[in-house]
Amino acid sequence: MKKFDEKKSSTSEYGSGDGDGSGNGYSYDDIIIHIYRGKDVYYINKLPVIIYSIEENIALCDMININNFALNRCYFAKYNNVFAYSYTAKYALEAAMDDYIRLHDIDSRILLFKEKFLPNIKYSAKEFCKWYSLLNDVSSFDYNLFFKKKGINLDKDEFTVKYFIELTINGYGSSIIKKLNDYYK
């Protein structure tokens, strides 16, 4: 397989479909595709994909939508045997890394947090926000809403670990944040 240039290969295809409202449909387990439009089909995380190129741990693919057989351009990334996909190679790799961290128990995640964030240095609110999600296993919608309610601008604000703990210690996942606080004492 040849190498890819993400900027050149970021095209996408869109599909549409109709339903009858009956609730009938297929899951990915119902249909196994071996060849599609003359290309071999592989399964990554049970998702059917056509792989065009692989460079190190990133694959440029088209994911096949089983409902209407449309192709959706994406990148799959592998990090420590965890796979994730997104519309860009960068986001696919970030998602794989995040999913890998989520596989760890909470004490291991706290240790990873402590390795990343030194006590008296300011870091971006966006980075803390991401780690709030990784520690508490909450969606980006939830943590964005939480920080927005606190008046935090994720794109501009920076703060220390101490301030991050003060912000979150009484919110969702407070037991995990209290444990985190103990690690910094």
Protein backbone atom coordinates (compact mmCIF):
# COMPACT_ATOMS: atom_id res chain seq x y z
CA MET A 1 0.00 0.00 0.00
CA LYS A 2 1.26 3.46 -0.77
CA LYS A 3 1.81 6.27 1.69
CA PHE A 4 -0.75 9.03 1.93
CA ASP A 5 -0.73 12.78 2.30
CA GLU A 6 -3.58 13.74 4.63
CA LYS A 7 -4.10 17.12 2.92
CA LYS A 8 -4.46 15.50 -0.50
CA SER A 9 -6.69 12.66 0.66
CA SER A 10 -9.20 14.42 2.87
CA THR A 11 -12.09 14.05 0.44
CA SER A 12 -15.31 12.50 1.63
CA GLU A 13 -18.38 10.98 0.11
CA TYR A 14 -21.86 11.41 1.45
CA GLY A 15 -24.78 9.06 1.19
CA SER A 16 -28.45 9.16 1.94
CA GLY A 17 -31.06 6.53 2.62
CA ASP A 18 -34.71 5.96 3.25
CA GLY A 19 -36.49 4.01 5.93
CA ASP A 20 -39.98 2.73 6.32
CA GLY A 21 -40.25 3.53 10.03
CA SER A 22 -40.79 -0.11 10.91
CA GLY A 23 -37.61 -0.37 12.94
CA ASN A 24 -36.21 -3.07 10.69
CA GLY A 25 -32.60 -2.74 9.80
CA TYR A 26 -29.21 -4.34 9.94
CA SER A 27 -26.40 -4.26 12.40
CA TYR A 28 -22.80 -4.66 11.37
CA ASP A 29 -22.98 -8.24 12.66
CA ASP A 30 -25.70 -9.16 10.14
CA ILE A 31 -23.71 -8.50 6.96
CA ILE A 32 -20.17 -9.49 6.20
CA ILE A 33 -18.68 -7.89 3.08
CA HIS A 34 -15.52 -9.36 1.59
CA ILE A 35 -15.16 -7.23 -1.55
CA TYR A 36 -16.80 -3.89 -2.36
CA ARG A 37 -16.40 -2.10 -5.69
CA GLY A 38 -13.51 -4.43 -6.50
CA LYS A 39 -11.61 -3.63 -3.28
CA ASP A 40 -10.90 -5.95 -0.34
CA VAL A 41 -12.91 -5.14 2.79
CA TYR A 42 -11.32 -5.37 6.23
CA TYR A 43 -12.96 -5.10 9.64
CA ILE A 44 -11.56 -2.79 12.28
CA ASN A 45 -13.53 -2.67 15.53
CA LYS A 46 -16.24 -4.64 13.67
CA LEU A 47 -16.57 -1.80 11.11
CA PRO A 48 -16.17 -2.62 7.40
CA VAL A 49 -13.47 -0.53 5.75
CA ILE A 50 -11.52 -0.32 2.54
CA ILE A 51 -7.91 0.49 3.36
CA TYR A 52 -6.06 2.61 0.81
CA SER A 53 -2.77 3.19 2.59
CA ILE A 54 -1.03 2.68 5.90
CA GLU A 55 1.70 4.87 7.28
CA GLU A 56 3.13 3.74 10.61
CA ASN A 57 0.06 3.38 12.84
CA ILE A 58 -2.46 5.34 10.72
CA ALA A 59 -4.59 3.98 7.89
CA LEU A 60 -6.46 6.00 5.29
CA CYS A 61 -9.79 4.25 4.76
CA ASP A 62 -13.32 4.46 3.49
CA MET A 63 -15.81 3.13 6.01
CA ILE A 64 -18.78 1.36 4.41
CA ASN A 65 -22.18 2.37 5.73
CA ILE A 66 -24.12 -0.90 5.87
CA ASN A 67 -27.51 0.86 5.69
CA ASN A 68 -26.93 2.49 2.29
CA PHE A 69 -23.46 1.30 1.25
CA ALA A 70 -22.13 4.84 1.03
CA LEU A 71 -18.44 5.36 1.66
CA ASN A 72 -17.18 7.76 4.31
CA ARG A 73 -13.53 8.77 4.21
CA CYS A 74 -11.78 8.37 7.56
CA TYR A 75 -8.51 7.56 9.26
CA PHE A 76 -8.00 4.69 11.68
CA ALA A 77 -5.21 4.98 14.20
CA LYS A 78 -3.69 2.30 16.40
CA TYR A 79 -2.17 3.10 19.78
CA ASN A 80 -1.05 0.25 22.06
CA ASN A 81 -3.45 -2.16 20.29
CA VAL A 82 -6.40 0.24 20.63
CA PHE A 83 -8.05 1.44 17.42
CA ALA A 84 -10.07 4.59 16.85
CA TYR A 85 -11.19 6.55 13.82
CA SER A 86 -11.95 10.11 12.85
CA TYR A 87 -12.05 12.43 9.85
CA THR A 88 -8.40 13.41 10.29
CA ALA A 89 -5.33 11.37 11.15
CA LYS A 90 -4.57 13.67 14.08
CA TYR A 91 -7.99 13.24 15.69
CA ALA A 92 -7.97 9.49 15.07
CA LEU A 93 -4.66 9.17 16.92
CA GLU A 94 -5.89 11.38 19.78
CA ALA A 95 -9.05 9.26 20.06
CA ALA A 96 -7.01 6.03 20.15
CA MET A 97 -4.76 7.46 22.85
CA ASP A 98 -7.77 8.62 24.88
CA ASP A 99 -9.46 5.22 24.53
CA TYR A 100 -6.24 3.56 25.69
CA ILE A 101 -6.16 5.77 28.79
CA ARG A 102 -9.81 4.94 29.53
CA LEU A 103 -8.90 1.23 29.66
CA HIS A 104 -6.80 1.89 32.75
CA ASP A 105 -8.18 1.78 36.28
CA ILE A 106 -8.71 5.11 37.99
CA ASP A 107 -5.46 4.98 40.00
CA SER A 108 -3.46 4.48 36.80
CA ARG A 109 -5.31 7.35 35.10
CA ILE A 110 -4.54 9.60 38.07
CA LEU A 111 -0.85 8.67 37.81
CA LEU A 112 -0.91 9.52 34.08
CA PHE A 113 -2.56 12.86 34.94
CA LYS A 114 0.14 13.56 37.51
CA GLU A 115 2.87 12.78 34.95
CA LYS A 116 1.30 15.25 32.52
CA PHE A 117 0.50 18.14 34.88
CA LEU A 118 3.11 19.60 37.20
CA PRO A 119 1.68 21.38 40.27
CA ASN A 120 2.57 25.05 39.80
CA ILE A 121 2.51 25.39 36.02
CA LYS A 122 -0.45 26.80 34.07
CA TYR A 123 -1.98 24.60 31.38
CA SER A 124 -4.77 25.27 28.92
CA ALA A 125 -8.34 24.89 30.11
CA LYS A 126 -8.96 22.74 27.04
CA GLU A 127 -6.31 20.24 28.17
CA PHE A 128 -7.76 20.09 31.70
CA CYS A 129 -11.20 19.68 30.18
CA LYS A 130 -10.02 16.70 28.16
CA TRP A 131 -8.51 15.10 31.25
CA TYR A 132 -11.66 15.76 33.26
CA SER A 133 -13.39 13.60 30.67
CA LEU A 134 -10.68 10.92 30.82
CA LEU A 135 -10.78 10.78 34.61
CA ASN A 136 -14.57 10.75 34.97
CA ASP A 137 -15.56 9.06 31.71
CA VAL A 138 -17.97 11.84 30.73
CA SER A 139 -18.84 13.05 27.25
CA SER A 140 -17.38 16.18 25.70
CA PHE A 141 -20.85 17.75 25.76
CA ASP A 142 -21.08 17.25 29.53
CA TYR A 143 -17.67 18.59 30.40
CA ASN A 144 -17.95 21.53 27.99
CA LEU A 145 -21.25 22.47 29.64
CA PHE A 146 -19.73 22.07 33.12
CA PHE A 147 -16.80 24.38 32.35
CA LYS A 148 -18.99 26.88 30.50
CA LYS A 149 -21.25 27.16 33.57
CA LYS A 150 -18.14 27.93 35.61
CA GLY A 151 -17.30 30.80 33.22
CA ILE A 152 -14.24 29.08 31.76
CA ASN A 153 -13.20 29.90 28.20
CA LEU A 154 -11.74 26.64 26.93
CA ASP A 155 -9.88 28.33 24.09
CA LYS A 156 -8.20 31.09 26.10
CA ASP A 157 -8.08 30.32 29.82
CA GLU A 158 -5.15 28.69 31.58
CA PHE A 159 -4.83 27.55 35.16
CA THR A 160 -2.91 25.34 37.54
CA VAL A 161 -3.75 21.86 38.83
CA LYS A 162 -4.74 23.40 42.16
CA TYR A 163 -7.32 25.64 40.47
CA PHE A 164 -8.56 22.74 38.33
CA ILE A 165 -9.14 20.69 41.48
CA GLU A 166 -10.91 23.61 43.19
CA LEU A 167 -13.22 23.97 40.16
CA THR A 168 -14.14 20.32 39.94
CA ILE A 169 -13.90 18.86 43.45
CA ASN A 170 -17.62 19.32 44.16
CA GLY A 171 -18.85 18.45 40.66
CA TYR A 172 -19.51 15.18 38.87
CA GLY A 173 -16.87 12.61 39.74
CA SER A 174 -15.94 14.43 42.93
CA SER A 175 -14.64 11.22 44.54
CA ILE A 176 -12.11 10.86 41.71
CA ILE A 177 -11.10 14.53 41.96
CA LYS A 178 -10.68 14.16 45.75
CA LYS A 179 -8.42 11.17 45.09
CA LEU A 180 -6.51 13.28 42.56
CA ASN A 181 -6.19 16.02 45.17
CA ASP A 182 -4.63 13.50 47.59
CA TYR A 183 -2.00 12.59 44.99
CA TYR A 184 -0.92 16.25 44.80
CA LYS A 185 -0.57 16.73 48.57
